[in-house]
Amino acid sequence: NPEADIHGLDLSTLACRGPISFALQGIRKAAPRNGLSQIPFHGFAEAFANFCFATLRVRPEVVLALQAIQSVCQQVVAQELVFAVDFERPLRLDEFRQFQRSATNSAALQIKQVWTAAL
């Protein structure tokens, strides 16, 4: 009967097996060995690291530490310690580099003193 044959399925034999068999026709997969199914890779280590980072940022200790760091950074910027920019005359390149090294070293020393005193 050609009318009962749709896409190569004989509807008369499928209907005799019952509605569940008819619904599962072509969908059935082989049962996994030992009842296990493969789980697609989802990057657990990266997801856990992101979770920990996001979680720790809301702890009071972390928030207070970040506020203290931001405060010290703003003080350093306000004091203009990091870069030497006030020159009385034009400088040669090696003199400019020496001024910058000196300014950076003095800024680092002051920051170290502030941090050790704060601890």
Protein backbone atom coordinates (compact mmCIF):
# COMPACT_ATOMS: atom_id res chain seq x y z
CA ASN A 1 0.00 0.00 0.00
CA PRO A 2 1.89 3.12 -1.19
CA GLU A 3 -0.24 5.52 0.85
CA ALA A 4 0.78 3.80 4.09
CA ASP A 5 4.48 4.07 3.20
CA ILE A 6 5.82 7.51 4.25
CA HIS A 7 9.56 8.13 4.05
CA GLY A 8 10.28 4.42 3.93
CA LEU A 9 8.28 3.60 7.08
CA ASP A 10 5.49 1.10 6.87
CA LEU A 11 2.80 2.70 9.02
CA SER A 12 0.71 -0.45 9.27
CA THR A 13 3.47 -2.40 11.04
CA LEU A 14 4.43 0.57 13.25
CA ALA A 15 0.84 1.17 14.31
CA CYS A 16 0.52 -2.48 15.38
CA ARG A 17 3.50 -2.08 17.74
CA GLY A 18 1.83 0.68 19.72
CA PRO A 19 2.15 4.49 20.03
CA ILE A 20 5.38 4.47 22.08
CA SER A 21 7.19 2.30 19.59
CA PHE A 22 5.92 4.53 16.79
CA ALA A 23 7.13 7.71 18.58
CA LEU A 24 10.59 6.30 19.28
CA GLN A 25 11.15 4.94 15.79
CA GLY A 26 14.44 6.34 14.49
CA ILE A 27 15.26 8.07 17.80
CA ARG A 28 16.51 5.10 19.77
CA LYS A 29 20.20 5.12 20.58
CA ALA A 30 22.31 2.32 21.87
CA ALA A 31 22.42 2.13 25.66
CA PRO A 32 25.70 3.44 27.08
CA ARG A 33 28.13 0.94 28.49
CA ASN A 34 27.85 0.63 32.28
CA GLY A 35 25.03 3.17 32.32
CA LEU A 36 27.38 6.14 31.76
CA SER A 37 26.94 9.01 29.35
CA GLN A 38 29.65 11.31 28.09
CA ILE A 39 29.48 14.87 29.41
CA PRO A 40 30.77 17.53 27.02
CA PHE A 41 33.87 19.46 28.09
CA HIS A 42 32.90 22.58 30.03
CA GLY A 43 36.17 23.95 31.44
CA PHE A 44 35.60 23.30 35.13
CA ALA A 45 38.92 24.82 36.24
CA GLU A 46 38.26 28.09 34.42
CA ALA A 47 34.65 28.29 35.63
CA PHE A 48 35.77 27.60 39.21
CA ALA A 49 38.51 30.26 38.99
CA ASN A 50 35.99 32.80 37.69
CA PHE A 51 33.57 31.87 40.46
CA CYS A 52 36.23 32.25 43.16
CA PHE A 53 37.38 35.59 41.75
CA ALA A 54 33.84 36.94 41.61
CA THR A 55 33.01 35.58 45.05
CA LEU A 56 36.11 36.86 46.82
CA ARG A 57 35.62 40.41 45.54
CA VAL A 58 32.53 40.79 47.70
CA ARG A 59 34.14 39.73 50.98
CA PRO A 60 34.59 42.65 53.41
CA GLU A 61 38.32 42.01 53.87
CA VAL A 62 38.95 42.10 50.15
CA VAL A 63 36.85 45.23 49.65
CA LEU A 64 38.74 47.05 52.43
CA ALA A 65 42.10 45.97 51.01
CA LEU A 66 41.15 47.16 47.51
CA GLN A 67 39.98 50.51 48.93
CA ALA A 68 43.30 50.94 50.75
CA ILE A 69 45.26 50.14 47.59
CA GLN A 70 43.19 52.61 45.58
CA SER A 71 43.73 55.30 48.22
CA VAL A 72 47.51 54.87 48.18
CA CYS A 73 47.54 54.89 44.37
CA GLN A 74 45.56 58.14 44.32
CA GLN A 75 47.97 59.69 46.82
CA VAL A 76 50.94 58.74 44.64
CA VAL A 77 49.29 60.25 41.59
CA ALA A 78 48.37 63.43 43.51
CA GLN A 79 51.94 63.88 44.76
CA GLU A 80 53.30 63.51 41.22
CA LEU A 81 56.12 61.30 42.42
CA VAL A 82 56.42 58.88 39.56
CA PHE A 83 57.48 61.15 36.70
CA ALA A 84 59.88 64.07 36.76
CA VAL A 85 58.33 66.75 34.57
CA ASP A 86 59.62 70.06 35.98
CA PHE A 87 62.82 70.96 34.15
CA GLU A 88 64.49 74.34 34.15
CA ARG A 89 66.20 73.81 30.82
CA PRO A 90 66.13 71.42 27.88
CA LEU A 91 67.79 68.12 28.71
CA ARG A 92 69.85 65.67 26.76
CA LEU A 93 68.38 62.18 26.57
CA ASP A 94 70.76 60.63 29.09
CA GLU A 95 70.03 63.45 31.59
CA PHE A 96 66.29 62.97 31.09
CA ARG A 97 66.62 59.23 31.70
CA GLN A 98 68.64 59.89 34.86
CA PHE A 99 65.95 62.26 36.19
CA GLN A 100 63.24 59.70 35.45
CA ARG A 101 65.20 56.90 37.16
CA SER A 102 65.74 59.10 40.19
CA ALA A 103 62.06 60.07 40.35
CA THR A 104 60.96 56.44 40.01
CA ASN A 105 63.37 55.24 42.71
CA SER A 106 62.27 57.95 45.15
CA ALA A 107 58.60 57.15 44.47
CA ALA A 108 59.25 53.45 45.06
CA LEU A 109 61.06 54.21 48.32
CA GLN A 110 58.24 56.43 49.57
CA ILE A 111 55.59 53.87 48.63
CA LYS A 112 57.52 51.14 50.45
CA GLN A 113 57.73 53.31 53.54
CA VAL A 114 54.01 54.10 53.44
CA TRP A 115 53.07 50.45 53.00
CA THR A 116 55.35 49.12 55.71
CA ALA A 117 54.10 51.77 58.14
CA ALA A 118 50.49 50.94 57.26
CA LEU A 119 50.99 47.23 57.87
